[in-house]
């Protein structure tokens, strides 16, 4: 079983991305959970969401305290939240940032596992014309965690986006381009 914890801010789409990852994994035949942790969230406030993905039925129904992977949708959270809390050193953290690798490493309190960066702001501005980091971050964690192949993710997301945006087909191509660009640009530091 793979456990993923998402850190974002209200309105950035971390909850939506975790649910899309769960749907895509389900469509590849896996057992899934995707759920947010609710508190007094409001636009811009820190939020947490979770995924469990397994080849066998999942019988755990709690938050994730020792994730295999952590996704940080907003790098300002590195100063506000202990994003590496409980994170297994055999896993990885995936961070949306354009900062230098050394600056990011300093903020991770000595975390010894793998660290990946992707500039979801740049990708979403280039492909969508607006800042929507969730699609690039979804692609980045799917690539790093290997919960599915790139091809499976692309095929599933194309179908999901066509359904979700049936009345706004103009956003499908940009989201697909954001997904593909992030798959190519996520890098280990």
N, C-alpha and C. Protein backbone atom coordinates (compact mmCIF):
# COMPACT_ATOMS: atom_id res chain seq x y z
N UNK A 1 0.84 -1.18 0.00
CA UNK A 1 0.00 0.00 0.00
C UNK A 1 0.88 1.24 0.00
N UNK A 2 0.50 2.22 -0.80
CA UNK A 2 1.20 3.50 -0.85
C UNK A 2 0.31 4.55 -0.18
N UNK A 3 0.92 5.32 0.71
CA UNK A 3 0.19 6.38 1.41
C UNK A 3 0.81 7.73 1.04
N UNK A 4 -0.05 8.68 0.68
CA UNK A 4 0.39 10.00 0.23
C UNK A 4 -0.34 11.06 1.06
N UNK A 5 0.43 12.06 1.51
CA UNK A 5 -0.17 13.21 2.21
C UNK A 5 0.09 14.46 1.37
N UNK A 6 -0.95 15.23 1.16
CA UNK A 6 -0.89 16.47 0.38
C UNK A 6 -0.95 17.66 1.32
N UNK A 7 -0.09 18.65 1.09
CA UNK A 7 -0.15 19.93 1.81
C UNK A 7 -0.36 21.03 0.79
N UNK A 8 -1.38 21.83 1.00
CA UNK A 8 -1.65 22.95 0.10
C UNK A 8 -2.33 24.05 0.86
N UNK A 9 -2.83 25.00 0.14
CA UNK A 9 -3.62 26.09 0.72
C UNK A 9 -5.00 26.03 0.08
N UNK A 10 -6.00 26.40 0.86
CA UNK A 10 -7.37 26.40 0.36
C UNK A 10 -7.47 27.15 -0.96
N UNK A 11 -8.07 26.53 -1.96
CA UNK A 11 -8.25 27.16 -3.26
C UNK A 11 -7.21 26.77 -4.29
N UNK A 12 -6.15 26.05 -3.90
CA UNK A 12 -5.11 25.65 -4.85
C UNK A 12 -5.38 24.32 -5.52
N UNK A 13 -6.38 23.59 -5.05
CA UNK A 13 -6.74 22.35 -5.70
C UNK A 13 -6.07 21.09 -5.17
N UNK A 14 -5.46 21.16 -3.97
CA UNK A 14 -4.81 19.96 -3.42
C UNK A 14 -5.85 18.86 -3.17
N UNK A 15 -6.99 19.21 -2.62
CA UNK A 15 -8.04 18.22 -2.38
C UNK A 15 -8.51 17.62 -3.70
N UNK A 16 -8.74 18.46 -4.68
CA UNK A 16 -9.19 17.99 -5.99
C UNK A 16 -8.15 17.07 -6.62
N UNK A 17 -6.87 17.46 -6.54
CA UNK A 17 -5.81 16.63 -7.12
C UNK A 17 -5.74 15.27 -6.43
N UNK A 18 -5.91 15.24 -5.11
CA UNK A 18 -5.87 13.95 -4.40
C UNK A 18 -7.03 13.06 -4.83
N UNK A 19 -8.20 13.66 -5.07
CA UNK A 19 -9.36 12.88 -5.51
C UNK A 19 -9.18 12.41 -6.96
N UNK A 20 -8.58 13.25 -7.81
CA UNK A 20 -8.31 12.84 -9.19
C UNK A 20 -7.30 11.70 -9.24
N UNK A 21 -6.29 11.76 -8.37
CA UNK A 21 -5.31 10.67 -8.30
C UNK A 21 -6.00 9.38 -7.87
N UNK A 22 -6.89 9.48 -6.89
CA UNK A 22 -7.63 8.30 -6.43
C UNK A 22 -8.47 7.71 -7.56
N UNK A 23 -9.17 8.57 -8.30
CA UNK A 23 -9.99 8.10 -9.42
C UNK A 23 -9.14 7.42 -10.49
N UNK A 24 -8.00 8.04 -10.83
CA UNK A 24 -7.14 7.48 -11.86
C UNK A 24 -6.57 6.12 -11.42
N UNK A 25 -6.16 6.02 -10.16
CA UNK A 25 -5.63 4.75 -9.66
C UNK A 25 -6.73 3.68 -9.64
N UNK A 26 -7.94 4.08 -9.25
CA UNK A 26 -9.08 3.15 -9.25
C UNK A 26 -9.31 2.60 -10.66
N UNK A 27 -9.20 3.47 -11.64
CA UNK A 27 -9.44 3.07 -13.02
C UNK A 27 -8.36 2.15 -13.58
N UNK A 28 -7.23 2.02 -12.85
CA UNK A 28 -6.20 1.05 -13.25
C UNK A 28 -6.36 -0.25 -12.47
N UNK A 29 -7.46 -0.35 -11.70
CA UNK A 29 -7.74 -1.59 -11.00
C UNK A 29 -7.26 -1.64 -9.55
N UNK A 30 -6.82 -0.52 -9.03
CA UNK A 30 -6.33 -0.50 -7.65
C UNK A 30 -7.44 -0.14 -6.67
N UNK A 31 -7.22 -0.49 -5.42
CA UNK A 31 -8.09 -0.06 -4.34
C UNK A 31 -7.59 1.30 -3.89
N UNK A 32 -8.51 2.20 -3.56
CA UNK A 32 -8.10 3.58 -3.29
C UNK A 32 -8.86 4.20 -2.12
N UNK A 33 -8.24 5.22 -1.57
CA UNK A 33 -8.90 6.17 -0.68
C UNK A 33 -8.36 7.55 -1.04
N UNK A 34 -9.21 8.52 -1.06
CA UNK A 34 -8.80 9.91 -1.26
C UNK A 34 -9.70 10.77 -0.43
N UNK A 35 -9.12 11.51 0.52
CA UNK A 35 -9.96 12.28 1.43
C UNK A 35 -9.20 13.48 2.00
N UNK A 36 -9.92 14.56 2.27
CA UNK A 36 -9.29 15.73 2.89
C UNK A 36 -9.44 15.66 4.41
N UNK A 37 -8.64 16.45 5.09
CA UNK A 37 -8.80 16.64 6.53
C UNK A 37 -9.38 18.03 6.69
N UNK A 38 -10.56 18.08 7.25
CA UNK A 38 -11.23 19.37 7.36
C UNK A 38 -11.02 20.01 8.72
N UNK A 39 -10.88 21.30 8.67
CA UNK A 39 -10.79 22.14 9.86
C UNK A 39 -11.45 23.46 9.46
N UNK A 40 -11.04 24.55 10.06
CA UNK A 40 -11.66 25.83 9.72
C UNK A 40 -11.05 26.43 8.44
N UNK A 41 -10.98 25.62 7.36
CA UNK A 41 -10.32 26.06 6.15
C UNK A 41 -11.04 27.23 5.50
N UNK A 42 -10.24 28.07 4.90
CA UNK A 42 -10.75 29.16 4.10
C UNK A 42 -9.71 29.40 3.01
N UNK A 43 -10.07 30.19 2.04
CA UNK A 43 -9.16 30.45 0.94
C UNK A 43 -7.80 30.89 1.48
N UNK A 44 -6.74 30.18 1.08
CA UNK A 44 -5.39 30.52 1.49
C UNK A 44 -4.90 29.85 2.76
N UNK A 45 -5.79 29.23 3.54
CA UNK A 45 -5.38 28.57 4.78
C UNK A 45 -4.78 27.20 4.46
N UNK A 46 -3.81 26.74 5.26
CA UNK A 46 -3.22 25.41 5.02
C UNK A 46 -4.28 24.31 5.10
N UNK A 47 -4.23 23.37 4.17
CA UNK A 47 -5.12 22.22 4.17
C UNK A 47 -4.29 20.95 3.98
N UNK A 48 -4.87 19.83 4.34
CA UNK A 48 -4.22 18.53 4.17
C UNK A 48 -5.20 17.58 3.51
N UNK A 49 -4.71 16.78 2.58
CA UNK A 49 -5.52 15.75 1.94
C UNK A 49 -4.66 14.48 1.89
N UNK A 50 -5.32 13.35 1.67
CA UNK A 50 -4.64 12.06 1.75
C UNK A 50 -5.06 11.13 0.63
N UNK A 51 -4.15 10.20 0.29
CA UNK A 51 -4.45 9.08 -0.61
C UNK A 51 -3.86 7.81 -0.04
N UNK A 52 -4.61 6.73 -0.19
CA UNK A 52 -4.08 5.37 -0.02
C UNK A 52 -4.37 4.66 -1.32
N UNK A 53 -3.36 3.95 -1.83
CA UNK A 53 -3.51 3.22 -3.08
C UNK A 53 -2.89 1.85 -2.87
N UNK A 54 -3.66 0.81 -3.20
CA UNK A 54 -3.21 -0.54 -2.90
C UNK A 54 -3.69 -1.54 -3.96
N UNK A 55 -2.98 -2.64 -4.05
CA UNK A 55 -3.38 -3.75 -4.92
C UNK A 55 -4.43 -4.63 -4.23
N UNK A 56 -4.58 -4.48 -2.92
CA UNK A 56 -5.52 -5.28 -2.13
C UNK A 56 -6.48 -4.35 -1.39
N UNK A 57 -7.62 -4.85 -0.93
CA UNK A 57 -8.56 -4.00 -0.21
C UNK A 57 -7.90 -3.27 0.97
N UNK A 58 -8.33 -2.03 1.19
CA UNK A 58 -7.79 -1.19 2.25
C UNK A 58 -8.75 -1.23 3.43
N UNK A 59 -8.25 -1.60 4.59
CA UNK A 59 -9.11 -1.71 5.78
C UNK A 59 -8.81 -0.63 6.80
N UNK A 60 -7.85 0.23 6.54
CA UNK A 60 -7.51 1.33 7.45
C UNK A 60 -8.40 2.53 7.11
N UNK A 61 -8.93 3.18 8.13
CA UNK A 61 -9.78 4.35 7.91
C UNK A 61 -9.39 5.46 8.87
N UNK A 62 -8.18 5.97 8.70
CA UNK A 62 -7.70 7.05 9.56
C UNK A 62 -6.87 7.99 8.70
N UNK A 63 -6.44 9.09 9.30
CA UNK A 63 -5.50 9.96 8.62
C UNK A 63 -4.20 9.19 8.41
N UNK A 64 -3.31 9.76 7.65
CA UNK A 64 -2.02 9.12 7.37
C UNK A 64 -0.95 9.85 8.17
N UNK A 65 -0.31 9.11 9.05
CA UNK A 65 0.68 9.71 9.94
C UNK A 65 2.12 9.42 9.52
N UNK A 66 2.33 8.35 8.76
CA UNK A 66 3.66 7.99 8.27
C UNK A 66 3.59 7.73 6.77
N UNK A 67 3.43 8.81 5.98
CA UNK A 67 3.26 8.64 4.54
C UNK A 67 4.53 8.16 3.84
N UNK A 68 4.30 7.51 2.70
CA UNK A 68 5.41 7.14 1.82
C UNK A 68 5.84 8.35 1.00
N UNK A 69 4.86 9.20 0.68
CA UNK A 69 5.11 10.38 -0.15
C UNK A 69 4.36 11.57 0.42
N UNK A 70 4.96 12.74 0.25
CA UNK A 70 4.32 14.00 0.61
C UNK A 70 4.36 14.90 -0.62
N UNK A 71 3.25 15.59 -0.88
CA UNK A 71 3.16 16.56 -1.96
C UNK A 71 2.96 17.93 -1.32
N UNK A 72 3.81 18.88 -1.67
CA UNK A 72 3.69 20.25 -1.16
C UNK A 72 3.32 21.13 -2.35
N UNK A 73 2.06 21.58 -2.37
CA UNK A 73 1.54 22.34 -3.49
C UNK A 73 1.99 23.80 -3.43
N UNK A 74 2.33 24.28 -2.23
CA UNK A 74 2.74 25.67 -2.04
C UNK A 74 3.99 25.70 -1.17
N UNK A 75 5.12 26.11 -1.74
CA UNK A 75 6.37 26.05 -0.97
C UNK A 75 6.43 27.01 0.21
N UNK A 76 5.50 27.97 0.31
CA UNK A 76 5.48 28.83 1.51
C UNK A 76 5.09 28.01 2.75
N UNK A 77 4.48 26.87 2.53
CA UNK A 77 4.11 26.00 3.66
C UNK A 77 5.34 25.38 4.32
N UNK A 78 6.48 25.37 3.63
CA UNK A 78 7.69 24.81 4.22
C UNK A 78 8.10 25.58 5.47
N UNK A 79 7.71 26.86 5.55
CA UNK A 79 8.01 27.68 6.72
C UNK A 79 6.92 27.60 7.78
N UNK A 80 5.74 27.11 7.41
CA UNK A 80 4.60 27.15 8.32
C UNK A 80 4.17 25.78 8.86
N UNK A 81 4.48 24.71 8.14
CA UNK A 81 4.00 23.37 8.48
C UNK A 81 5.18 22.41 8.43
N UNK A 82 5.22 21.46 9.37
CA UNK A 82 6.27 20.43 9.32
C UNK A 82 5.85 19.37 8.31
N UNK A 83 6.13 19.64 7.04
CA UNK A 83 5.67 18.77 5.96
C UNK A 83 6.35 17.40 5.96
N UNK A 84 7.50 17.29 6.61
CA UNK A 84 8.19 16.00 6.64
C UNK A 84 7.81 15.15 7.86
N UNK A 85 6.92 15.64 8.69
CA UNK A 85 6.51 14.90 9.88
C UNK A 85 6.04 13.49 9.50
N UNK A 86 6.72 12.48 10.03
CA UNK A 86 6.35 11.09 9.79
C UNK A 86 6.72 10.55 8.42
N UNK A 87 7.23 11.40 7.53
CA UNK A 87 7.53 10.97 6.17
C UNK A 87 8.66 9.94 6.17
N UNK A 88 8.38 8.79 5.57
CA UNK A 88 9.37 7.71 5.52
C UNK A 88 10.56 8.12 4.65
N UNK A 89 11.75 7.80 5.10
CA UNK A 89 12.94 8.13 4.33
C UNK A 89 13.09 7.23 3.10
N UNK A 90 12.29 6.18 3.03
CA UNK A 90 12.29 5.32 1.84
C UNK A 90 11.36 5.86 0.77
N UNK A 91 10.63 6.91 1.09
CA UNK A 91 9.71 7.53 0.15
C UNK A 91 10.31 8.78 -0.45
N UNK A 92 9.47 9.80 -0.63
CA UNK A 92 9.95 11.04 -1.25
C UNK A 92 8.98 12.18 -0.96
N UNK A 93 9.49 13.39 -1.12
CA UNK A 93 8.67 14.59 -1.04
C UNK A 93 8.73 15.28 -2.40
N UNK A 94 7.59 15.75 -2.88
CA UNK A 94 7.49 16.43 -4.16
C UNK A 94 6.99 17.85 -3.88
N UNK A 95 7.78 18.84 -4.27
CA UNK A 95 7.49 20.22 -3.90
C UNK A 95 7.34 21.09 -5.15
N UNK A 96 6.30 21.91 -5.15
CA UNK A 96 6.09 22.91 -6.18
C UNK A 96 6.95 24.11 -5.81
N UNK A 97 8.03 24.34 -6.56
CA UNK A 97 8.89 25.47 -6.24
C UNK A 97 9.79 25.81 -7.41
N UNK A 98 10.15 27.08 -7.49
CA UNK A 98 11.15 27.54 -8.45
C UNK A 98 12.43 27.92 -7.71
N UNK A 99 12.46 27.68 -6.40
CA UNK A 99 13.63 28.04 -5.60
C UNK A 99 14.79 27.07 -5.87
N UNK A 100 15.97 27.50 -5.47
CA UNK A 100 17.16 26.69 -5.62
C UNK A 100 17.09 25.46 -4.71
N UNK A 101 17.58 24.32 -5.18
CA UNK A 101 17.54 23.09 -4.38
C UNK A 101 18.11 23.25 -2.97
N UNK A 102 19.21 23.97 -2.82
CA UNK A 102 19.82 24.12 -1.49
C UNK A 102 18.90 24.87 -0.54
N UNK A 103 18.19 25.88 -1.06
CA UNK A 103 17.25 26.63 -0.23
C UNK A 103 16.11 25.72 0.25
N UNK A 104 15.62 24.87 -0.63
CA UNK A 104 14.55 23.93 -0.28
C UNK A 104 15.06 22.93 0.76
N UNK A 105 16.23 22.36 0.54
CA UNK A 105 16.78 21.37 1.48
C UNK A 105 16.90 21.94 2.89
N UNK A 106 17.30 23.20 3.01
CA UNK A 106 17.44 23.82 4.33
C UNK A 106 16.11 23.87 5.08
N UNK A 107 15.03 23.99 4.36
CA UNK A 107 13.71 24.11 4.98
C UNK A 107 13.12 22.76 5.38
N UNK A 108 13.77 21.65 5.00
CA UNK A 108 13.21 20.32 5.24
C UNK A 108 13.78 19.65 6.49
N UNK A 109 14.42 20.41 7.34
CA UNK A 109 14.84 19.94 8.67
C UNK A 109 15.62 18.63 8.63
N UNK A 110 16.54 18.50 7.66
CA UNK A 110 17.41 17.33 7.62
C UNK A 110 16.77 16.08 7.04
N UNK A 111 15.62 16.19 6.39
CA UNK A 111 14.99 15.01 5.77
C UNK A 111 15.98 14.33 4.84
N UNK A 112 16.14 13.02 5.00
CA UNK A 112 17.16 12.28 4.27
C UNK A 112 16.62 11.49 3.07
N UNK A 113 15.32 11.51 2.86
CA UNK A 113 14.75 10.80 1.72
C UNK A 113 14.90 11.59 0.43
N UNK A 114 14.30 11.09 -0.62
CA UNK A 114 14.39 11.74 -1.93
C UNK A 114 13.53 13.00 -1.96
N UNK A 115 14.03 14.01 -2.66
CA UNK A 115 13.35 15.29 -2.80
C UNK A 115 13.21 15.59 -4.29
N UNK A 116 12.00 15.92 -4.71
CA UNK A 116 11.73 16.25 -6.11
C UNK A 116 11.13 17.65 -6.18
N UNK A 117 11.50 18.38 -7.22
CA UNK A 117 10.94 19.71 -7.45
C UNK A 117 10.28 19.75 -8.82
N UNK A 118 9.21 20.53 -8.89
CA UNK A 118 8.57 20.85 -10.16
C UNK A 118 8.02 22.26 -10.02
N UNK A 119 8.17 23.07 -11.05
CA UNK A 119 7.68 24.45 -11.01
C UNK A 119 6.26 24.47 -11.59
N UNK A 120 5.30 24.14 -10.74
CA UNK A 120 3.90 24.06 -11.18
C UNK A 120 3.34 25.43 -11.55
N UNK A 121 3.88 26.49 -10.95
CA UNK A 121 3.44 27.85 -11.32
C UNK A 121 3.79 28.12 -12.78
N UNK A 122 5.04 27.90 -13.14
CA UNK A 122 5.49 28.14 -14.51
C UNK A 122 4.70 27.28 -15.49
N UNK A 123 4.54 26.02 -15.16
CA UNK A 123 3.83 25.09 -16.06
C UNK A 123 2.38 25.54 -16.25
N UNK A 124 1.68 25.85 -15.15
CA UNK A 124 0.27 26.22 -15.29
C UNK A 124 0.10 27.56 -15.99
N UNK A 125 1.00 28.51 -15.75
CA UNK A 125 0.90 29.79 -16.45
C UNK A 125 1.15 29.61 -17.95
N UNK A 126 2.11 28.75 -18.31
CA UNK A 126 2.40 28.50 -19.73
C UNK A 126 1.28 27.75 -20.44
N UNK A 127 0.67 26.80 -19.75
CA UNK A 127 -0.31 25.93 -20.43
C UNK A 127 -1.76 26.36 -20.23
N UNK A 128 -2.05 27.01 -19.10
CA UNK A 128 -3.42 27.39 -18.78
C UNK A 128 -3.65 28.90 -18.76
N UNK A 129 -2.56 29.65 -18.67
CA UNK A 129 -2.70 31.10 -18.62
C UNK A 129 -3.06 31.62 -17.23
N UNK A 130 -3.21 30.72 -16.27
CA UNK A 130 -3.55 31.08 -14.88
C UNK A 130 -2.82 30.13 -13.96
N UNK A 131 -2.78 30.49 -12.69
CA UNK A 131 -2.06 29.67 -11.72
C UNK A 131 -3.00 28.64 -11.10
N UNK A 132 -2.94 27.43 -11.63
CA UNK A 132 -3.65 26.27 -11.10
C UNK A 132 -2.62 25.16 -10.92
N UNK A 133 -2.01 25.05 -9.73
CA UNK A 133 -0.91 24.10 -9.55
C UNK A 133 -1.33 22.64 -9.42
N UNK A 134 -2.62 22.36 -9.25
CA UNK A 134 -3.01 20.99 -8.93
C UNK A 134 -2.74 19.99 -10.06
N UNK A 135 -2.97 20.36 -11.31
CA UNK A 135 -2.73 19.41 -12.41
C UNK A 135 -1.25 19.05 -12.53
N UNK A 136 -0.33 20.03 -12.53
CA UNK A 136 1.08 19.64 -12.58
C UNK A 136 1.51 18.81 -11.36
N UNK A 137 0.98 19.12 -10.18
CA UNK A 137 1.37 18.37 -8.98
C UNK A 137 0.82 16.96 -9.02
N UNK A 138 -0.36 16.78 -9.56
CA UNK A 138 -0.93 15.45 -9.74
C UNK A 138 -0.01 14.61 -10.63
N UNK A 139 0.43 15.18 -11.75
CA UNK A 139 1.34 14.46 -12.65
C UNK A 139 2.65 14.14 -11.95
N UNK A 140 3.18 15.11 -11.21
CA UNK A 140 4.48 14.91 -10.55
C UNK A 140 4.43 13.77 -9.54
N UNK A 141 3.39 13.71 -8.72
CA UNK A 141 3.34 12.64 -7.70
C UNK A 141 3.05 11.29 -8.36
N UNK A 142 2.27 11.27 -9.42
CA UNK A 142 2.03 10.00 -10.12
C UNK A 142 3.35 9.47 -10.69
N UNK A 143 4.16 10.37 -11.24
CA UNK A 143 5.45 9.97 -11.81
C UNK A 143 6.41 9.47 -10.72
N UNK A 144 6.53 10.23 -9.64
CA UNK A 144 7.49 9.90 -8.58
C UNK A 144 7.08 8.63 -7.83
N UNK A 145 5.80 8.49 -7.52
CA UNK A 145 5.32 7.35 -6.74
C UNK A 145 5.15 6.09 -7.59
N UNK A 146 5.07 6.26 -8.89
CA UNK A 146 4.88 5.13 -9.82
C UNK A 146 3.59 4.35 -9.52
N UNK A 147 2.55 5.04 -9.05
CA UNK A 147 1.29 4.35 -8.79
C UNK A 147 0.61 3.92 -10.09
N UNK A 148 1.05 4.53 -11.20
CA UNK A 148 0.57 4.14 -12.53
C UNK A 148 1.58 4.64 -13.55
N UNK A 149 1.48 4.14 -14.74
CA UNK A 149 2.40 4.59 -15.79
C UNK A 149 1.97 5.97 -16.27
N UNK A 150 2.89 6.67 -16.92
CA UNK A 150 2.56 7.97 -17.50
C UNK A 150 1.40 7.82 -18.48
N UNK A 151 1.44 6.76 -19.29
CA UNK A 151 0.40 6.54 -20.29
C UNK A 151 -0.96 6.31 -19.63
N UNK A 152 -0.99 5.52 -18.56
CA UNK A 152 -2.26 5.30 -17.84
C UNK A 152 -2.81 6.61 -17.30
N UNK A 153 -1.93 7.43 -16.72
CA UNK A 153 -2.37 8.71 -16.17
C UNK A 153 -2.91 9.61 -17.27
N UNK A 154 -2.18 9.73 -18.36
CA UNK A 154 -2.61 10.60 -19.45
C UNK A 154 -3.95 10.15 -20.02
N UNK A 155 -4.09 8.86 -20.28
CA UNK A 155 -5.36 8.35 -20.83
C UNK A 155 -6.51 8.56 -19.88
N UNK A 156 -6.30 8.27 -18.59
CA UNK A 156 -7.37 8.43 -17.62
C UNK A 156 -7.75 9.90 -17.45
N UNK A 157 -6.76 10.77 -17.35
CA UNK A 157 -7.05 12.19 -17.14
C UNK A 157 -7.74 12.80 -18.34
N UNK A 158 -7.40 12.35 -19.53
CA UNK A 158 -8.08 12.87 -20.71
C UNK A 158 -9.58 12.57 -20.63
N UNK A 159 -9.91 11.33 -20.25
CA UNK A 159 -11.31 10.97 -20.09
C UNK A 159 -11.98 11.74 -18.96
N UNK A 160 -11.30 11.87 -17.84
CA UNK A 160 -11.85 12.60 -16.69
C UNK A 160 -12.10 14.06 -17.03
N UNK A 161 -11.14 14.69 -17.69
CA UNK A 161 -11.27 16.10 -18.02
C UNK A 161 -12.37 16.34 -19.05
N UNK A 162 -12.51 15.42 -20.02
CA UNK A 162 -13.59 15.56 -21.00
C UNK A 162 -14.94 15.49 -20.31
N UNK A 163 -15.05 14.62 -19.31
CA UNK A 163 -16.30 14.51 -18.56
C UNK A 163 -16.51 15.74 -17.66
N UNK A 164 -15.49 16.10 -16.91
CA UNK A 164 -15.60 17.21 -15.95
C UNK A 164 -15.85 18.54 -16.65
N UNK A 165 -15.19 18.74 -17.78
CA UNK A 165 -15.28 20.02 -18.48
C UNK A 165 -16.06 19.91 -19.78
N UNK A 166 -17.10 19.10 -19.78
CA UNK A 166 -17.92 18.92 -20.99
C UNK A 166 -18.46 20.26 -21.49
N UNK A 167 -18.77 21.18 -20.58
CA UNK A 167 -19.31 22.49 -20.98
C UNK A 167 -18.22 23.54 -21.12
N UNK A 168 -16.96 23.17 -20.84
CA UNK A 168 -15.83 24.10 -20.99
C UNK A 168 -14.67 23.37 -21.69
N UNK A 169 -14.91 22.85 -22.89
CA UNK A 169 -13.88 22.04 -23.56
C UNK A 169 -12.58 22.79 -23.83
N UNK A 170 -12.62 24.11 -23.79
CA UNK A 170 -11.41 24.89 -24.06
C UNK A 170 -10.33 24.71 -23.00
N UNK A 171 -10.69 24.22 -21.81
CA UNK A 171 -9.68 24.04 -20.75
C UNK A 171 -9.02 22.65 -20.78
N UNK A 172 -9.57 21.74 -21.56
CA UNK A 172 -9.05 20.37 -21.59
C UNK A 172 -7.62 20.33 -22.14
N UNK A 173 -7.39 20.96 -23.27
CA UNK A 173 -6.07 20.91 -23.90
C UNK A 173 -5.00 21.50 -22.98
N UNK A 174 -5.28 22.62 -22.34
CA UNK A 174 -4.31 23.24 -21.44
C UNK A 174 -3.98 22.35 -20.26
N UNK A 175 -4.99 21.71 -19.68
CA UNK A 175 -4.74 20.79 -18.57
C UNK A 175 -3.94 19.57 -19.01
N UNK A 176 -4.24 19.05 -20.18
CA UNK A 176 -3.48 17.90 -20.69
C UNK A 176 -2.02 18.30 -20.94
N UNK A 177 -1.82 19.51 -21.48
CA UNK A 177 -0.46 19.99 -21.70
C UNK A 177 0.28 20.19 -20.37
N UNK A 178 -0.43 20.69 -19.36
CA UNK A 178 0.17 20.88 -18.03
C UNK A 178 0.59 19.53 -17.45
N UNK A 179 -0.26 18.55 -17.61
CA UNK A 179 0.02 17.20 -17.12
C UNK A 179 1.28 16.64 -17.79
N UNK A 180 1.33 16.70 -19.09
CA UNK A 180 2.46 16.16 -19.84
C UNK A 180 3.76 16.91 -19.53
N UNK A 181 3.67 18.23 -19.42
CA UNK A 181 4.86 19.03 -19.13
C UNK A 181 5.42 18.67 -17.75
N UNK A 182 4.54 18.53 -16.77
CA UNK A 182 4.98 18.20 -15.41
C UNK A 182 5.61 16.80 -15.36
N UNK A 183 5.06 15.86 -16.11
CA UNK A 183 5.65 14.52 -16.15
C UNK A 183 7.10 14.58 -16.63
N UNK A 184 7.38 15.51 -17.53
CA UNK A 184 8.74 15.66 -18.06
C UNK A 184 9.65 16.53 -17.21
N UNK A 185 9.05 17.45 -16.44
CA UNK A 185 9.87 18.44 -15.74
C UNK A 185 10.11 18.15 -14.26
N UNK A 186 9.41 17.21 -13.67
CA UNK A 186 9.67 16.91 -12.25
C UNK A 186 11.07 16.30 -12.15
N UNK A 187 11.88 16.86 -11.24
CA UNK A 187 13.29 16.45 -11.15
C UNK A 187 13.70 16.17 -9.72
N UNK A 188 14.50 15.13 -9.56
CA UNK A 188 15.07 14.80 -8.26
C UNK A 188 16.25 15.74 -7.99
N UNK A 189 16.34 16.23 -6.74
CA UNK A 189 17.48 17.09 -6.39
C UNK A 189 18.40 16.38 -5.41
